[in-house]
C-alpha cells in the first residue's frame, strides 16, 4: 500500500529550514519522510504525572479528549536546558519536537517543548520557519535577560562554594573532575541555599500571580517533589525551607524554583498559623499546640511579559476551559505545567470567590430539620464543616492578595454569627498586614476564647514589619 504524499506545507517548511542551515536558524530541522514516526502521547514513562494513580478523566483532559490520538513527529528545533543543569550557565541539549496533527483542517505545526508536556500544552504555530524563529526568539530573549540579571548572584555563590571546597581539597589532596564536580557543586549549592534569608528573594519579572494549590500532609514533601521530580523547574532551587534557620519556628514555610523554559520564578509557601477554630487553637498556656491536619500550600509566580511563552492567549483560554482554572492569558506554559500535577485544581481569586458563594448556599441548605431537632454536636454537624471551609476560603483569598478583599469579603463577613468566620477575617487581615481591621473585630467581639485569639492575632499583626496601622 503506497503512502500518501506529505502536505505541501511540510515540504515547503523543509525547504525553508534547509535554506537557513548556515544562519542563526534555532536549529530547525524537518526530517525526510523516512525518518518520520507516528505515535500517541503516553504518560507511562513520565514519573512526574504518577501514571499508575492518574485518573482517566485527567488523562483525557491533558490529551484533548483522546489518549490514543496519534501525531507524526516531523522535525526538531531549538534546544533547552535539563532539570539538572545550572539555571544560568548551561549547554542546552534537549531539543523541542515538531508534530503534525493529521486530523486538523488547519495548516499548523505543534511544538512540544519537552517530553513531559502533554498535548493540551503544546504550542501551535504557522508552519513556517519565520513563525518558529519568532517563537523561539522570545524564549532566547528571556534566557539572556535572566542570565544578565542573575549571573553575579550565581557566580558569588559558586565562588564561596569553590573556595570552601578548595580548602578541603588542599587538606585531603583529593581530585575530582567532570560530572562529579558538577554534581558536587549542585549539592554544595543546595546546601548554601538552605542558609538563604527568604527576605532576600526578589520577584524579578514584571507580572505576578498568586494561586492556592491545595492542602497537603507535609510541605516538606511537596518541596522535595519539586526539587527532585518536577521536570518543569530546575533542580537548583532559589530557596528551601528544609534546614533553613531563618524559617525555624516560623509558621510560614517557603521554597522557590526557576522554571526551565520561561525562567519564571515559582514560589511555594504554606501557612501553619491559620487555625480558626478556637477549640483547636493554642490560646492559653495549658492548651495543646495548634492542630493543622491539612497544610495549605500557595503559589506565587513572577513571570515575564510575553506573547509566545504562553503559547498564545488561545492556548491558555483552552487550558482554563478544560481544567476549570483561571490563569492569566499570558501565563507561560511551563508554569502551568509545573502546577498541573496537583491533586486539586489550582484556584485563583476567581475560584475562591465562587467557593465562598457556594459555601454560603450550602450553609442554608444544610441547616436541616434533623440537625435542629437532634441538636448534633457541632463537631459532627454538616453545617459546621461547611462553615470551616468557608472560613478558610476567606483567609486564603487574603493570602492571594485579592485587591478587593477588604471591601467585598471583610466588610461582608466581619459581623458574621459564626465565630470561625470572624476569626478567618482576622487571619486574612493579619496576612494583609492590616492590624486596624483586626482591631475592629476585637472591639466588637464578646469575652471568651474568640476575643483572646483576636487579641493574639492583633498583637502579632501589629508587630509585623510594614504593618498598616
Protein backbone atom coordinates (compact mmCIF):
# COMPACT_ATOMS: atom_id res chain seq x y z
CA UNK A 1 0.00 0.00 0.00
CA UNK A 2 1.54 3.31 -1.07
CA UNK A 3 1.90 6.13 1.41
CA UNK A 4 0.09 9.36 0.59
CA UNK A 5 2.41 12.32 -0.12
CA UNK A 6 3.06 14.77 2.73
CA UNK A 7 1.16 18.06 2.83
CA UNK A 8 2.62 20.81 0.70
CA UNK A 9 3.29 22.97 3.75
CA UNK A 10 5.62 20.36 5.27
CA UNK A 11 7.61 20.15 2.04
CA UNK A 12 7.80 23.95 1.95
CA UNK A 13 8.88 24.08 5.60
CA UNK A 14 11.66 21.55 4.96
CA UNK A 15 12.97 23.66 2.09
CA UNK A 16 12.91 26.82 4.24
CA UNK A 17 14.77 25.06 7.07
CA UNK A 18 17.49 23.75 4.74
CA UNK A 19 17.96 27.22 3.29
CA UNK A 20 18.61 28.57 6.79
CA UNK A 21 21.02 25.86 7.95
CA UNK A 22 24.05 28.16 7.78
CA UNK A 23 22.28 31.05 9.52
CA UNK A 24 21.08 31.54 13.10
CA UNK A 25 18.09 29.30 12.49
CA UNK A 26 17.41 27.98 16.01
CA UNK A 27 18.48 24.54 14.75
CA UNK A 28 15.22 23.95 12.90
CA UNK A 29 15.28 20.54 11.21
CA UNK A 30 12.44 18.99 9.23
CA UNK A 31 13.00 15.29 8.68
CA UNK A 32 12.70 13.41 5.41
CA UNK A 33 9.62 11.18 5.33
CA UNK A 34 11.60 8.02 6.01
CA UNK A 35 12.56 9.44 9.42
CA UNK A 36 9.02 10.33 10.44
CA UNK A 37 7.43 8.46 13.32
CA UNK A 38 3.75 8.33 14.18
CA UNK A 39 2.71 7.76 17.79
CA UNK A 40 0.32 8.74 20.55
CA UNK A 41 1.44 10.72 23.58
CA UNK A 42 1.79 8.48 26.62
CA UNK A 43 2.17 9.17 30.33
CA UNK A 44 3.55 5.70 31.06
CA UNK A 45 7.24 6.64 31.25
CA UNK A 46 6.71 10.04 32.88
CA UNK A 47 7.02 9.59 36.65
CA UNK A 48 6.08 13.20 37.31
CA UNK A 49 2.50 12.50 36.27
CA UNK A 50 2.28 9.41 38.51
CA UNK A 51 0.64 7.39 35.69
CA UNK A 52 -0.28 4.42 37.89
CA UNK A 53 -2.57 6.57 40.03
CA UNK A 54 -3.58 9.10 37.38
CA UNK A 55 -7.33 9.33 36.79
CA UNK A 56 -8.82 8.55 33.41
CA UNK A 57 -10.51 11.95 33.45
CA UNK A 58 -7.22 13.81 33.92
CA UNK A 59 -5.53 11.73 31.22
CA UNK A 60 -8.36 12.56 28.84
CA UNK A 61 -8.25 16.28 29.57
CA UNK A 62 -4.48 16.56 29.11
CA UNK A 63 -4.66 14.68 25.79
CA UNK A 64 -7.55 16.78 24.48
CA UNK A 65 -10.14 14.06 24.92
CA UNK A 66 -8.37 11.20 23.14
CA UNK A 67 -5.42 9.48 24.79
CA UNK A 68 -4.96 7.21 21.77
CA UNK A 69 -4.77 10.03 19.23
CA UNK A 70 -1.61 9.82 17.12
CA UNK A 71 0.64 12.59 15.87
CA UNK A 72 3.57 12.44 13.45
CA UNK A 73 6.98 13.65 14.54
CA UNK A 74 8.25 15.60 11.53
CA UNK A 75 11.17 17.53 12.98
CA UNK A 76 13.01 19.10 15.87
CA UNK A 77 14.34 22.54 16.76
CA UNK A 78 15.68 24.83 19.48
CA UNK A 79 17.24 23.05 22.47
CA UNK A 80 16.50 23.78 26.13
CA UNK A 81 18.35 23.00 29.32
CA UNK A 82 17.70 19.99 31.54
CA UNK A 83 16.39 19.89 35.11
CA UNK A 84 19.87 19.04 36.40
CA UNK A 85 21.53 21.94 34.56
CA UNK A 86 22.57 25.20 36.16
CA UNK A 87 19.72 27.71 35.52
CA UNK A 88 22.12 30.49 34.49
CA UNK A 89 25.07 28.90 32.71
CA UNK A 90 24.35 25.70 30.81
CA UNK A 91 24.68 23.91 27.47
CA UNK A 92 21.13 23.12 26.25
CA UNK A 93 20.90 19.63 24.80
CA UNK A 94 17.20 18.73 24.81
CA UNK A 95 15.59 19.65 21.50
CA UNK A 96 11.95 20.53 21.07
CA UNK A 97 9.78 18.23 18.97
CA UNK A 98 7.73 19.35 15.98
CA UNK A 99 4.48 17.43 15.42
CA UNK A 100 1.92 17.21 12.63
CA UNK A 101 -1.71 16.66 13.64
CA UNK A 102 -3.30 14.66 10.82
CA UNK A 103 -6.92 15.35 11.72
CA UNK A 104 -6.60 19.13 11.88
CA UNK A 105 -8.10 21.03 8.94
CA UNK A 106 -5.73 23.91 9.75
CA UNK A 107 -2.17 24.01 8.47
CA UNK A 108 -0.16 24.24 11.68
CA UNK A 109 2.86 22.89 13.47
CA UNK A 110 2.67 21.72 17.08
CA UNK A 111 5.67 22.40 19.34
CA UNK A 112 6.35 20.11 22.29
CA UNK A 113 8.89 21.99 24.40
CA UNK A 114 9.86 18.93 26.43
CA UNK A 115 8.88 15.24 26.70
CA UNK A 116 6.70 15.80 29.79
CA UNK A 117 4.44 18.39 28.13
CA UNK A 118 1.05 16.79 27.28
CA UNK A 119 -0.82 17.76 24.07
CA UNK A 120 -3.00 20.26 25.96
CA UNK A 121 0.16 22.35 26.47
CA UNK A 122 1.74 22.01 23.03
CA UNK A 123 2.28 25.34 21.27
CA UNK A 124 0.70 25.85 17.87
CA UNK A 125 2.31 28.00 15.17
CA UNK A 126 2.05 28.59 11.46
CA UNK A 127 4.16 26.03 9.56
CA UNK A 128 6.90 28.47 8.54
CA UNK A 129 10.46 28.95 9.72
CA UNK A 130 9.65 32.61 10.38
CA UNK A 131 6.91 31.65 12.86
CA UNK A 132 9.19 29.13 14.57
CA UNK A 133 12.03 31.63 14.85
CA UNK A 134 9.75 34.29 16.38
CA UNK A 135 8.54 31.77 18.94
CA UNK A 136 12.00 30.54 19.98
CA UNK A 137 13.44 34.08 19.88
CA UNK A 138 11.18 35.05 22.77
CA UNK A 139 12.46 32.14 24.85
CA UNK A 140 16.03 33.11 23.94
CA UNK A 141 15.42 36.73 24.93
CA UNK A 142 14.18 35.89 28.44
CA UNK A 143 17.06 33.46 28.87
CA UNK A 144 19.55 36.20 28.01
CA UNK A 145 17.84 38.68 30.33
CA UNK A 146 17.74 36.12 33.13
CA UNK A 147 21.44 35.41 32.71
CA UNK A 148 22.31 39.10 32.75
CA UNK A 149 20.37 39.72 35.96
CA UNK A 150 21.31 36.56 37.86
CA UNK A 151 24.86 35.69 36.80
CA UNK A 152 26.51 37.84 39.51
CA UNK A 153 24.49 36.10 42.24
CA UNK A 154 25.23 32.60 40.97
CA UNK A 155 28.91 33.40 40.49
CA UNK A 156 29.06 34.74 44.04
CA UNK A 157 27.52 31.57 45.45
CA UNK A 158 29.74 29.40 43.27
CA UNK A 159 32.88 31.27 44.35
CA UNK A 160 32.02 30.78 48.01
CA UNK A 161 31.41 27.09 47.45
CA UNK A 162 34.57 26.57 45.41
CA UNK A 163 36.68 28.45 47.96
CA UNK A 164 35.45 26.18 50.73
CA UNK A 165 35.88 23.11 48.52
CA UNK A 166 39.45 24.07 47.55
CA UNK A 167 40.34 24.50 51.19
CA UNK A 168 39.07 21.00 51.93
CA UNK A 169 40.74 19.53 48.84
CA UNK A 170 44.07 21.10 49.79
CA UNK A 171 43.93 19.26 53.07
CA UNK A 172 42.76 15.96 51.63
CA UNK A 173 44.79 16.24 48.40
CA UNK A 174 41.72 14.96 46.58
CA UNK A 175 40.88 15.46 42.96
CA UNK A 176 37.54 15.08 41.20
CA UNK A 177 36.55 16.08 37.69
CA UNK A 178 33.81 16.17 35.09
CA UNK A 179 30.33 15.12 36.16
CA UNK A 180 31.45 14.56 39.73
CA UNK A 181 32.41 18.22 40.01
CA UNK A 182 29.05 19.32 38.59
CA UNK A 183 27.12 17.04 40.90
CA UNK A 184 29.20 18.06 43.89
CA UNK A 185 28.75 21.72 43.05
CA UNK A 186 24.98 21.32 42.80
CA UNK A 187 24.82 19.60 46.19
CA UNK A 188 27.00 22.31 47.70
CA UNK A 189 24.80 24.97 46.07
CA UNK A 190 21.66 23.44 47.59
CA UNK A 191 23.35 23.34 50.99
CA UNK A 192 24.24 27.02 50.61
CA UNK A 193 20.68 27.90 49.55
CA UNK A 194 19.39 26.39 52.79
CA UNK A 195 21.08 29.32 54.56
CA UNK A 196 19.40 31.99 52.43
CA UNK A 197 17.24 34.65 54.08
CA UNK A 198 13.77 34.45 52.44
CA UNK A 199 13.51 38.26 52.50
CA UNK A 200 16.44 38.46 50.05
CA UNK A 201 14.45 36.71 47.31
CA UNK A 202 13.11 39.19 44.75
CA UNK A 203 10.27 38.71 42.29
CA UNK A 204 12.27 39.75 39.26
CA UNK A 205 9.74 39.77 36.41
CA UNK A 206 7.03 42.41 35.82
CA UNK A 207 3.98 40.12 36.10
CA UNK A 208 2.74 38.48 39.31
CA UNK A 209 0.06 35.88 40.01
CA UNK A 210 -0.99 34.06 43.17
CA UNK A 211 -2.87 30.78 43.44
CA UNK A 212 -3.98 28.22 46.02
CA UNK A 213 -2.55 24.78 45.17
CA UNK A 214 -4.48 22.83 47.80
CA UNK A 215 -3.82 21.10 51.09
CA UNK A 216 -1.10 18.52 51.68
CA UNK A 217 0.11 16.33 54.53
CA UNK A 218 3.59 17.86 54.52
CA UNK A 219 5.03 20.98 52.91
CA UNK A 220 8.49 19.43 53.08
CA UNK A 221 7.39 16.54 50.85
CA UNK A 222 5.86 18.98 48.36
CA UNK A 223 9.07 20.98 48.31
CA UNK A 224 11.12 17.81 47.87
CA UNK A 225 8.95 16.68 44.96
CA UNK A 226 9.52 19.96 43.12
CA UNK A 227 13.24 19.78 43.84
CA UNK A 228 13.76 16.20 42.67
CA UNK A 229 10.94 15.22 40.33
CA UNK A 230 9.20 18.21 38.72
CA UNK A 231 10.57 18.28 35.13
CA UNK A 232 9.50 21.87 34.51
CA UNK A 233 11.69 23.53 37.14
CA UNK A 234 15.45 23.47 37.65
CA UNK A 235 16.81 21.24 40.39
CA UNK A 236 18.86 24.24 41.58
CA UNK A 237 16.39 25.96 43.93
CA UNK A 238 16.38 29.63 44.83
CA UNK A 239 15.04 28.99 48.33
CA UNK A 240 14.37 25.95 50.53
CA UNK A 241 12.57 25.70 53.85
CA UNK A 242 14.03 22.39 54.98
CA UNK A 243 17.04 23.13 57.17
CA UNK A 244 16.70 26.91 56.74
CA UNK A 245 17.46 28.59 60.06
CA UNK A 246 15.55 31.74 59.07
CA UNK A 247 12.32 29.71 58.96
CA UNK A 248 12.86 27.67 62.09
CA UNK A 249 9.93 28.20 64.44
CA UNK A 250 8.09 30.28 61.83
CA UNK A 251 4.54 29.29 60.82
CA UNK A 252 5.39 30.33 57.25
CA UNK A 253 7.44 27.94 55.13
CA UNK A 254 8.61 28.79 51.62
CA UNK A 255 10.67 27.48 48.74
CA UNK A 256 11.33 28.89 45.28
CA UNK A 257 12.31 27.48 41.90
CA UNK A 258 13.13 28.77 38.42
CA UNK A 259 11.14 27.27 35.56
CA UNK A 260 13.26 25.80 32.79
CA UNK A 261 11.67 27.30 29.70
CA UNK A 262 10.36 30.79 30.55
CA UNK A 263 12.71 31.42 33.51
CA UNK A 264 9.70 32.39 35.62
CA UNK A 265 10.10 32.39 39.39
CA UNK A 266 7.76 29.98 41.16
CA UNK A 267 7.49 30.32 44.94
CA UNK A 268 5.65 27.77 47.06
CA UNK A 269 4.61 28.78 50.56
CA UNK A 270 2.50 27.35 53.33
CA UNK A 271 0.85 28.80 56.43
CA UNK A 272 0.57 26.92 59.70
CA UNK A 273 -0.99 29.86 61.57
CA UNK A 274 -4.46 29.71 60.04
CA UNK A 275 -6.31 27.79 62.74
CA UNK A 276 -9.71 29.49 63.01
CA UNK A 277 -11.37 27.04 65.40
CA UNK A 278 -10.87 28.40 68.92
CA UNK A 279 -11.33 24.89 70.33
CA UNK A 280 -8.21 23.72 68.47
CA UNK A 281 -6.09 26.88 68.61
CA UNK A 282 -3.43 27.30 71.28
CA UNK A 283 -4.58 30.40 73.12
CA UNK A 284 -3.79 29.73 76.77
CA UNK A 285 -0.68 28.20 78.29
CA UNK A 286 -2.35 24.90 79.13
CA UNK A 287 -3.82 24.49 75.60
CA UNK A 288 -2.48 21.86 73.24
CA UNK A 289 -0.42 23.18 70.27
CA UNK A 290 -2.34 24.28 67.19
CA UNK A 291 -3.57 21.34 65.16
CA UNK A 292 -3.46 21.68 61.34
CA UNK A 293 -4.14 18.27 59.83
CA UNK A 294 -4.14 19.69 56.30
CA UNK A 295 -1.35 22.08 55.34
CA UNK A 296 -2.45 24.74 52.81
CA UNK A 297 0.07 25.43 50.03
CA UNK A 298 0.07 28.53 47.86
CA UNK A 299 1.98 29.52 44.73
CA UNK A 300 3.29 32.98 43.88
CA UNK A 301 4.56 33.35 40.33
CA UNK A 302 6.70 36.09 38.84
CA UNK A 303 6.79 35.80 35.06
CA UNK A 304 7.99 37.81 32.02
CA UNK A 305 5.88 39.97 29.78
CA UNK A 306 5.33 37.83 26.69
CA UNK A 307 3.27 36.85 23.68
CA UNK A 308 4.65 33.38 22.93
CA UNK A 309 5.97 31.91 26.21
CA UNK A 310 2.30 31.22 26.95
CA UNK A 311 1.70 29.65 23.54
CA UNK A 312 -0.70 32.49 22.75
CA UNK A 313 -3.79 33.51 24.69
CA UNK A 314 -5.90 30.89 22.87
CA UNK A 315 -3.83 28.06 24.41
CA UNK A 316 -4.32 29.36 27.96
CA UNK A 317 -8.02 30.01 27.30
CA UNK A 318 -8.41 26.40 26.19
CA UNK A 319 -6.49 25.11 29.22
CA UNK A 320 -8.66 27.18 31.56
CA UNK A 321 -11.83 25.88 29.92
CA UNK A 322 -10.70 22.24 30.06
CA UNK A 323 -9.20 22.29 33.56
CA UNK A 324 -11.58 24.81 35.22
CA UNK A 325 -8.79 27.23 36.08
CA UNK A 326 -8.38 30.98 35.55
CA UNK A 327 -4.72 31.52 34.74
CA UNK A 328 -3.86 34.90 33.17
CA UNK A 329 -3.90 34.55 29.40
CA UNK A 330 -0.16 35.31 29.22
CA UNK A 331 0.89 32.73 31.82
CA UNK A 332 3.91 30.77 30.45
CA UNK A 333 3.13 27.14 29.67
CA UNK A 334 5.94 25.75 31.82
CA UNK A 335 4.45 27.42 34.91
CA UNK A 336 1.06 25.89 34.11
CA UNK A 337 2.70 22.51 33.52
CA UNK A 338 4.69 22.69 36.76
CA UNK A 339 1.45 23.15 38.71
CA UNK A 340 -0.69 20.74 36.66
CA UNK A 341 0.00 17.57 38.61
CA UNK A 342 -1.62 18.89 41.78
CA UNK A 343 -4.36 16.57 43.05
CA UNK A 344 -6.64 19.62 43.24
CA UNK A 345 -7.38 22.17 40.54
CA UNK A 346 -5.32 25.31 41.11
CA UNK A 347 -7.57 28.03 42.47
CA UNK A 348 -7.08 31.72 41.95
CA UNK A 349 -9.14 34.58 43.38
CA UNK A 350 -11.97 33.89 40.92
CA UNK A 351 -12.39 30.28 42.07
CA UNK A 352 -12.12 31.13 45.78
CA UNK A 353 -14.76 33.84 45.43
CA UNK A 354 -17.05 31.34 43.73
CA UNK A 355 -16.30 28.86 46.52
CA UNK A 356 -17.34 31.39 49.15
CA UNK A 357 -20.68 31.95 47.40
CA UNK A 358 -21.18 28.19 47.06
CA UNK A 359 -20.47 27.61 50.76
CA UNK A 360 -22.99 30.25 51.75
CA UNK A 361 -25.68 28.46 49.75
CA UNK A 362 -24.61 25.12 51.21
CA UNK A 363 -24.93 26.50 54.74
CA UNK A 364 -28.52 27.47 54.07
CA UNK A 365 -29.43 24.10 52.58
CA UNK A 366 -27.66 22.01 55.23
CA UNK A 367 -29.44 23.59 58.19
CA UNK A 368 -31.92 20.70 58.09
CA UNK A 369 -34.82 19.93 60.40
CA UNK A 370 -32.97 16.79 61.51
CA UNK A 371 -29.97 18.73 62.77
CA UNK A 372 -32.20 21.27 64.51
CA UNK A 373 -34.26 18.56 66.18
CA UNK A 374 -31.48 16.20 67.25
CA UNK A 375 -29.10 19.06 68.06
CA UNK A 376 -25.96 17.35 66.87
CA UNK A 377 -22.62 18.11 68.47
CA UNK A 378 -21.14 20.96 66.35
CA UNK A 379 -18.14 18.76 65.54
CA UNK A 380 -20.41 16.37 63.62
CA UNK A 381 -22.64 18.99 62.06
CA UNK A 382 -22.58 19.27 58.27
CA UNK A 383 -23.14 22.99 58.66
CA UNK A 384 -20.08 23.29 60.89
CA UNK A 385 -17.90 21.56 58.28
CA UNK A 386 -19.16 23.95 55.62
CA UNK A 387 -18.51 26.91 57.94
CA UNK A 388 -14.93 25.70 58.31
CA UNK A 389 -14.48 25.50 54.53
CA UNK A 390 -15.98 28.98 54.14
CA UNK A 391 -13.69 30.36 56.84
CA UNK A 392 -10.56 29.00 55.20
CA UNK A 393 -11.64 30.29 51.77
CA UNK A 394 -11.92 33.77 53.32
CA UNK A 395 -8.40 33.55 54.77
CA UNK A 396 -6.93 32.02 51.61
CA UNK A 397 -8.38 34.82 49.48
CA UNK A 398 -6.49 37.36 51.60
CA UNK A 399 -3.25 35.39 51.24
CA UNK A 400 -3.75 35.54 47.46
CA UNK A 401 -3.84 39.33 47.88
CA UNK A 402 -7.27 39.83 46.36
CA UNK A 403 -7.32 43.61 45.69
CA UNK A 404 -10.91 43.96 46.92
CA UNK A 405 -10.70 41.60 49.89
CA UNK A 406 -11.45 44.35 52.43
CA UNK A 407 -14.48 45.74 50.59
CA UNK A 408 -16.00 42.52 49.25
CA UNK A 409 -15.01 39.95 51.88
CA UNK A 410 -14.01 41.51 55.20
CA UNK A 411 -16.85 44.03 55.29
CA UNK A 412 -19.28 41.29 54.26
CA UNK A 413 -18.30 38.78 56.96
CA UNK A 414 -16.83 40.78 59.87
CA UNK A 415 -20.11 40.62 61.78
CA UNK A 416 -20.98 37.01 60.92
CA UNK A 417 -22.69 34.98 63.65
CA UNK A 418 -20.20 32.09 63.36
CA UNK A 419 -17.05 32.61 65.39
CA UNK A 420 -14.81 30.78 62.89
CA UNK A 421 -15.83 33.21 60.15
CA UNK A 422 -14.83 36.19 62.29
CA UNK A 423 -11.52 34.52 63.16
CA UNK A 424 -10.90 33.92 59.44
CA UNK A 425 -11.47 37.63 58.78
CA UNK A 426 -8.84 38.39 61.41
CA UNK A 427 -6.37 35.88 59.94
CA UNK A 428 -6.89 37.39 56.49
CA UNK A 429 -6.42 40.94 57.77
CA UNK A 430 -3.20 39.88 59.52
CA UNK A 431 -1.93 38.26 56.31
CA UNK A 432 -2.52 41.57 54.53
CA UNK A 433 -0.72 43.42 57.36
CA UNK A 434 -3.85 45.32 58.37
CA UNK A 435 -3.91 45.30 62.21
CA UNK A 436 -6.51 48.08 62.20
CA UNK A 437 -9.02 45.63 60.72
CA UNK A 438 -8.20 43.09 63.43
CA UNK A 439 -8.70 45.85 66.00
CA UNK A 440 -12.15 46.50 64.54
CA UNK A 441 -13.07 42.85 65.07
CA UNK A 442 -11.55 42.82 68.55
CA UNK A 443 -13.63 45.82 69.60
CA UNK A 444 -16.85 44.01 68.71
CA UNK A 445 -16.00 40.51 69.97
CA UNK A 446 -17.59 39.37 73.28
CA UNK A 447 -15.48 37.96 76.09
CA UNK A 448 -14.25 34.40 75.62
CA UNK A 449 -11.71 32.37 73.67
CA UNK A 450 -12.59 34.14 70.46
CA UNK A 451 -11.66 37.52 71.92
CA UNK A 452 -8.46 36.06 73.34
CA UNK A 453 -7.48 34.67 69.93
CA UNK A 454 -8.26 38.01 68.27
CA UNK A 455 -6.02 39.74 70.80
CA UNK A 456 -3.18 37.35 69.91
CA UNK A 457 -3.71 37.92 66.18
CA UNK A 458 -3.75 41.69 66.72
CA UNK A 459 -0.55 41.65 68.74
CA UNK A 460 1.24 39.58 66.09
CA UNK A 461 -0.11 41.70 63.21
CA UNK A 462 0.93 44.94 64.94
CA UNK A 463 4.46 43.61 65.47
CA UNK A 464 4.82 42.64 61.80
CA UNK A 465 7.22 44.91 59.85
CA UNK A 466 5.47 47.23 57.37
CA UNK A 467 2.09 46.66 59.02
CA UNK A 468 -0.53 49.22 58.08
CA UNK A 469 -1.69 50.88 61.30
